[in-house]
N, C-alpha and C. Protein backbone atom coordinates (compact mmCIF):
# COMPACT_ATOMS: atom_id res chain seq x y z
N MET A 1 27.25 -14.49 25.75
CA MET A 1 26.84 -13.46 26.68
C MET A 1 25.32 -13.50 26.82
N SER A 2 24.85 -13.59 28.01
CA SER A 2 23.43 -13.68 28.29
C SER A 2 22.88 -12.34 28.74
N LEU A 3 21.67 -12.03 28.33
CA LEU A 3 21.02 -10.80 28.75
C LEU A 3 20.15 -11.01 29.99
N TYR A 4 20.11 -12.26 30.47
CA TYR A 4 19.29 -12.56 31.64
C TYR A 4 20.06 -12.20 32.90
N HIS A 5 19.44 -11.47 33.80
CA HIS A 5 20.04 -11.12 35.08
C HIS A 5 19.08 -11.57 36.17
N PRO A 6 19.53 -12.50 37.04
CA PRO A 6 18.65 -12.93 38.13
C PRO A 6 18.24 -11.75 39.00
N GLY A 7 16.99 -11.70 39.34
CA GLY A 7 16.48 -10.63 40.18
C GLY A 7 16.01 -9.41 39.42
N ALA A 8 16.25 -9.38 38.10
CA ALA A 8 15.79 -8.25 37.30
C ALA A 8 14.28 -8.34 37.13
N PRO A 9 13.59 -7.21 37.16
CA PRO A 9 12.12 -7.27 37.01
C PRO A 9 11.75 -7.74 35.61
N VAL A 10 10.71 -8.53 35.55
CA VAL A 10 10.20 -9.03 34.27
C VAL A 10 9.19 -8.02 33.74
N PRO A 11 9.36 -7.57 32.49
CA PRO A 11 8.39 -6.60 31.96
C PRO A 11 7.01 -7.23 31.84
N PRO A 12 5.97 -6.44 32.10
CA PRO A 12 4.60 -7.00 32.00
C PRO A 12 4.28 -7.33 30.54
N PRO A 13 3.47 -8.36 30.32
CA PRO A 13 3.10 -8.70 28.95
C PRO A 13 2.25 -7.59 28.33
N GLU A 14 2.35 -7.47 27.00
CA GLU A 14 1.55 -6.46 26.32
C GLU A 14 0.08 -6.85 26.37
N PRO A 15 -0.80 -5.87 26.62
CA PRO A 15 -2.23 -6.21 26.66
C PRO A 15 -2.70 -6.62 25.27
N PRO A 16 -3.62 -7.57 25.20
CA PRO A 16 -4.12 -7.98 23.89
C PRO A 16 -4.88 -6.84 23.22
N ARG A 17 -4.79 -6.81 21.90
CA ARG A 17 -5.50 -5.78 21.14
C ARG A 17 -7.00 -6.03 21.22
N ALA A 18 -7.75 -4.98 21.42
CA ALA A 18 -9.19 -5.10 21.55
C ALA A 18 -9.79 -5.62 20.25
N ALA A 19 -10.76 -6.50 20.37
CA ALA A 19 -11.41 -7.07 19.19
C ALA A 19 -12.12 -5.96 18.41
N GLY A 20 -11.92 -5.95 17.12
CA GLY A 20 -12.56 -4.97 16.27
C GLY A 20 -11.81 -3.66 16.19
N ARG A 21 -10.73 -3.53 16.94
CA ARG A 21 -9.95 -2.30 16.90
C ARG A 21 -9.05 -2.32 15.68
N SER A 22 -9.11 -1.28 14.91
CA SER A 22 -8.35 -1.20 13.67
C SER A 22 -6.92 -0.76 13.94
N SER A 23 -6.02 -1.18 13.06
CA SER A 23 -4.63 -0.77 13.20
C SER A 23 -4.25 0.27 12.15
N PHE A 24 -5.25 0.97 11.59
CA PHE A 24 -4.98 2.00 10.59
C PHE A 24 -4.24 3.17 11.22
N THR A 25 -3.33 3.72 10.45
CA THR A 25 -2.65 4.93 10.88
C THR A 25 -3.26 6.11 10.11
N PRO A 26 -3.06 7.32 10.57
CA PRO A 26 -3.60 8.47 9.84
C PRO A 26 -3.08 8.55 8.40
N ALA A 27 -1.86 8.10 8.16
CA ALA A 27 -1.32 8.13 6.79
C ALA A 27 -2.10 7.19 5.88
N GLN A 28 -2.48 6.02 6.38
CA GLN A 28 -3.26 5.09 5.57
C GLN A 28 -4.65 5.65 5.29
N VAL A 29 -5.26 6.25 6.28
CA VAL A 29 -6.59 6.82 6.09
C VAL A 29 -6.51 7.96 5.07
N ALA A 30 -5.47 8.78 5.16
CA ALA A 30 -5.30 9.88 4.20
C ALA A 30 -5.15 9.35 2.79
N GLY A 31 -4.44 8.24 2.62
CA GLY A 31 -4.28 7.65 1.30
C GLY A 31 -5.59 7.13 0.74
N VAL A 32 -6.41 6.54 1.59
CA VAL A 32 -7.70 6.02 1.14
C VAL A 32 -8.64 7.16 0.77
N VAL A 33 -8.56 8.26 1.46
CA VAL A 33 -9.43 9.40 1.20
C VAL A 33 -8.94 10.22 0.01
N ALA A 34 -7.63 10.29 -0.18
CA ALA A 34 -7.06 11.18 -1.20
C ALA A 34 -7.44 10.78 -2.62
N PHE A 35 -7.46 9.48 -2.93
CA PHE A 35 -7.72 9.07 -4.30
C PHE A 35 -9.13 9.44 -4.79
N PRO A 36 -10.18 9.15 -4.02
CA PRO A 36 -11.50 9.58 -4.48
C PRO A 36 -11.64 11.11 -4.57
N VAL A 37 -11.01 11.83 -3.65
CA VAL A 37 -11.08 13.29 -3.68
C VAL A 37 -10.37 13.83 -4.93
N LEU A 38 -9.17 13.29 -5.22
CA LEU A 38 -8.46 13.71 -6.42
C LEU A 38 -9.25 13.39 -7.69
N GLY A 39 -9.82 12.18 -7.74
CA GLY A 39 -10.61 11.79 -8.91
C GLY A 39 -11.81 12.69 -9.11
N THR A 40 -12.48 13.03 -8.02
CA THR A 40 -13.64 13.91 -8.12
C THR A 40 -13.23 15.30 -8.59
N GLY A 41 -12.15 15.82 -8.04
CA GLY A 41 -11.67 17.15 -8.45
C GLY A 41 -11.28 17.19 -9.92
N LEU A 42 -10.59 16.15 -10.38
CA LEU A 42 -10.19 16.11 -11.78
C LEU A 42 -11.41 15.98 -12.69
N SER A 43 -12.38 15.19 -12.26
CA SER A 43 -13.59 15.02 -13.06
C SER A 43 -14.38 16.33 -13.16
N LEU A 44 -14.47 17.04 -12.06
CA LEU A 44 -15.19 18.32 -12.07
C LEU A 44 -14.49 19.36 -12.95
N ASN A 45 -13.19 19.20 -13.14
CA ASN A 45 -12.44 20.12 -14.00
C ASN A 45 -12.42 19.68 -15.45
N GLY A 46 -13.15 18.61 -15.78
CA GLY A 46 -13.32 18.21 -17.17
C GLY A 46 -12.38 17.14 -17.69
N MET A 47 -11.61 16.49 -16.84
CA MET A 47 -10.71 15.44 -17.30
C MET A 47 -11.52 14.18 -17.58
N PRO A 48 -11.27 13.49 -18.71
CA PRO A 48 -12.02 12.27 -19.02
C PRO A 48 -11.77 11.17 -17.98
N LEU A 49 -12.80 10.36 -17.75
CA LEU A 49 -12.74 9.31 -16.73
C LEU A 49 -11.60 8.33 -16.98
N GLY A 50 -11.38 7.94 -18.22
CA GLY A 50 -10.31 7.00 -18.53
C GLY A 50 -8.94 7.54 -18.15
N ASP A 51 -8.73 8.83 -18.38
CA ASP A 51 -7.45 9.46 -18.01
C ASP A 51 -7.30 9.53 -16.49
N ILE A 52 -8.40 9.78 -15.79
CA ILE A 52 -8.35 9.84 -14.33
C ILE A 52 -7.97 8.47 -13.76
N LEU A 53 -8.62 7.43 -14.26
CA LEU A 53 -8.33 6.08 -13.78
C LEU A 53 -6.89 5.67 -14.09
N THR A 54 -6.39 6.05 -15.26
CA THR A 54 -5.00 5.74 -15.61
C THR A 54 -4.04 6.47 -14.68
N LEU A 55 -4.29 7.74 -14.45
CA LEU A 55 -3.42 8.53 -13.58
C LEU A 55 -3.41 7.98 -12.15
N LEU A 56 -4.59 7.76 -11.58
CA LEU A 56 -4.65 7.29 -10.20
C LEU A 56 -4.17 5.85 -10.07
N GLY A 57 -4.40 5.04 -11.11
CA GLY A 57 -3.85 3.68 -11.11
C GLY A 57 -2.34 3.68 -11.13
N GLY A 58 -1.78 4.58 -11.93
CA GLY A 58 -0.32 4.72 -11.96
C GLY A 58 0.23 5.15 -10.62
N CYS A 59 -0.46 6.06 -9.95
CA CYS A 59 -0.04 6.49 -8.61
C CYS A 59 -0.09 5.32 -7.64
N GLY A 60 -1.12 4.49 -7.75
CA GLY A 60 -1.23 3.31 -6.88
C GLY A 60 -0.11 2.32 -7.13
N VAL A 61 0.25 2.12 -8.40
CA VAL A 61 1.35 1.21 -8.74
C VAL A 61 2.66 1.75 -8.18
N ILE A 62 2.88 3.05 -8.30
CA ILE A 62 4.10 3.64 -7.76
C ILE A 62 4.16 3.45 -6.24
N GLY A 63 3.05 3.64 -5.56
CA GLY A 63 3.01 3.41 -4.12
C GLY A 63 3.27 1.97 -3.75
N ALA A 64 2.68 1.02 -4.50
CA ALA A 64 2.90 -0.40 -4.22
C ALA A 64 4.35 -0.79 -4.45
N VAL A 65 4.95 -0.26 -5.51
CA VAL A 65 6.35 -0.57 -5.80
C VAL A 65 7.25 0.01 -4.71
N THR A 66 6.93 1.20 -4.25
CA THR A 66 7.73 1.83 -3.19
C THR A 66 7.67 1.00 -1.91
N ILE A 67 6.48 0.57 -1.54
CA ILE A 67 6.33 -0.25 -0.33
C ILE A 67 7.02 -1.58 -0.49
N ALA A 68 6.86 -2.22 -1.65
CA ALA A 68 7.50 -3.52 -1.88
C ALA A 68 9.01 -3.40 -1.86
N THR A 69 9.53 -2.33 -2.43
CA THR A 69 10.98 -2.14 -2.45
C THR A 69 11.51 -1.85 -1.05
N ALA A 70 10.81 -1.01 -0.32
CA ALA A 70 11.26 -0.65 1.03
C ALA A 70 11.19 -1.84 1.98
N SER A 71 10.23 -2.72 1.78
CA SER A 71 10.08 -3.87 2.68
C SER A 71 10.89 -5.07 2.22
N GLY A 72 11.57 -4.95 1.11
CA GLY A 72 12.38 -6.06 0.63
C GLY A 72 11.56 -7.18 0.01
N GLY A 73 10.36 -6.90 -0.43
CA GLY A 73 9.48 -7.92 -0.99
C GLY A 73 9.82 -8.21 -2.45
N ARG A 74 10.87 -8.96 -2.67
CA ARG A 74 11.29 -9.26 -4.05
C ARG A 74 10.24 -10.07 -4.79
N ARG A 75 9.64 -11.03 -4.10
CA ARG A 75 8.64 -11.87 -4.75
C ARG A 75 7.41 -11.04 -5.12
N LEU A 76 6.98 -10.17 -4.21
CA LEU A 76 5.84 -9.29 -4.48
C LEU A 76 6.16 -8.34 -5.63
N LEU A 77 7.37 -7.82 -5.64
CA LEU A 77 7.79 -6.90 -6.69
C LEU A 77 7.81 -7.61 -8.05
N ALA A 78 8.26 -8.86 -8.08
CA ALA A 78 8.27 -9.62 -9.34
C ALA A 78 6.85 -9.89 -9.82
N ALA A 79 5.94 -10.22 -8.90
CA ALA A 79 4.55 -10.46 -9.28
C ALA A 79 3.89 -9.18 -9.79
N LEU A 80 4.20 -8.06 -9.14
CA LEU A 80 3.65 -6.78 -9.57
C LEU A 80 4.18 -6.40 -10.95
N ALA A 81 5.46 -6.65 -11.19
CA ALA A 81 6.04 -6.35 -12.50
C ALA A 81 5.39 -7.19 -13.59
N ALA A 82 5.13 -8.46 -13.29
CA ALA A 82 4.48 -9.33 -14.26
C ALA A 82 3.06 -8.86 -14.55
N ALA A 83 2.35 -8.40 -13.50
CA ALA A 83 0.98 -7.91 -13.69
C ALA A 83 0.96 -6.64 -14.52
N VAL A 84 1.90 -5.73 -14.25
CA VAL A 84 1.96 -4.49 -15.03
C VAL A 84 2.33 -4.79 -16.48
N ARG A 85 3.27 -5.71 -16.67
CA ARG A 85 3.66 -6.10 -18.02
C ARG A 85 2.47 -6.73 -18.77
N ALA A 86 1.71 -7.58 -18.08
CA ALA A 86 0.57 -8.24 -18.71
C ALA A 86 -0.54 -7.22 -19.02
N ALA A 87 -0.72 -6.23 -18.16
CA ALA A 87 -1.75 -5.23 -18.37
C ALA A 87 -1.42 -4.32 -19.55
N GLY A 88 -0.14 -4.17 -19.84
CA GLY A 88 0.28 -3.29 -20.93
C GLY A 88 0.23 -3.93 -22.29
N THR A 89 0.01 -5.23 -22.37
CA THR A 89 -0.05 -5.91 -23.67
C THR A 89 -1.49 -6.08 -24.13
N GLU A 90 -1.68 -6.04 -25.43
CA GLU A 90 -3.02 -6.26 -26.00
C GLU A 90 -3.26 -7.75 -26.13
N PRO A 91 -4.51 -8.19 -26.00
CA PRO A 91 -4.80 -9.62 -26.17
C PRO A 91 -4.44 -10.07 -27.58
N GLY A 92 -3.74 -11.18 -27.66
CA GLY A 92 -3.36 -11.73 -28.97
C GLY A 92 -2.12 -11.07 -29.57
N ALA A 93 -1.52 -10.09 -28.90
CA ALA A 93 -0.34 -9.42 -29.44
C ALA A 93 0.91 -9.94 -28.79
N ARG A 94 1.18 -11.22 -28.95
CA ARG A 94 2.34 -11.84 -28.30
C ARG A 94 3.47 -11.82 -29.22
């Protein structure tokens, strides 16, 4: 079965994206802004810097795993798991 119909109007081609125009969505911008704001707020409330970095790093890992899982990126997910596993081990503690 063909979807081509003689005499049917041809849709116009999509205009090229303007050079230098970003493809960021508001959700991505909010994510980039949220982490420094959260870190600053936690720091001002007296949380140690190491704990802040651990917390926000964990949030970033959860976000990366969610995106990798939703997009079906098995290879990316395996590489991320290996990186997290390697980061959790002490040097020389094999």
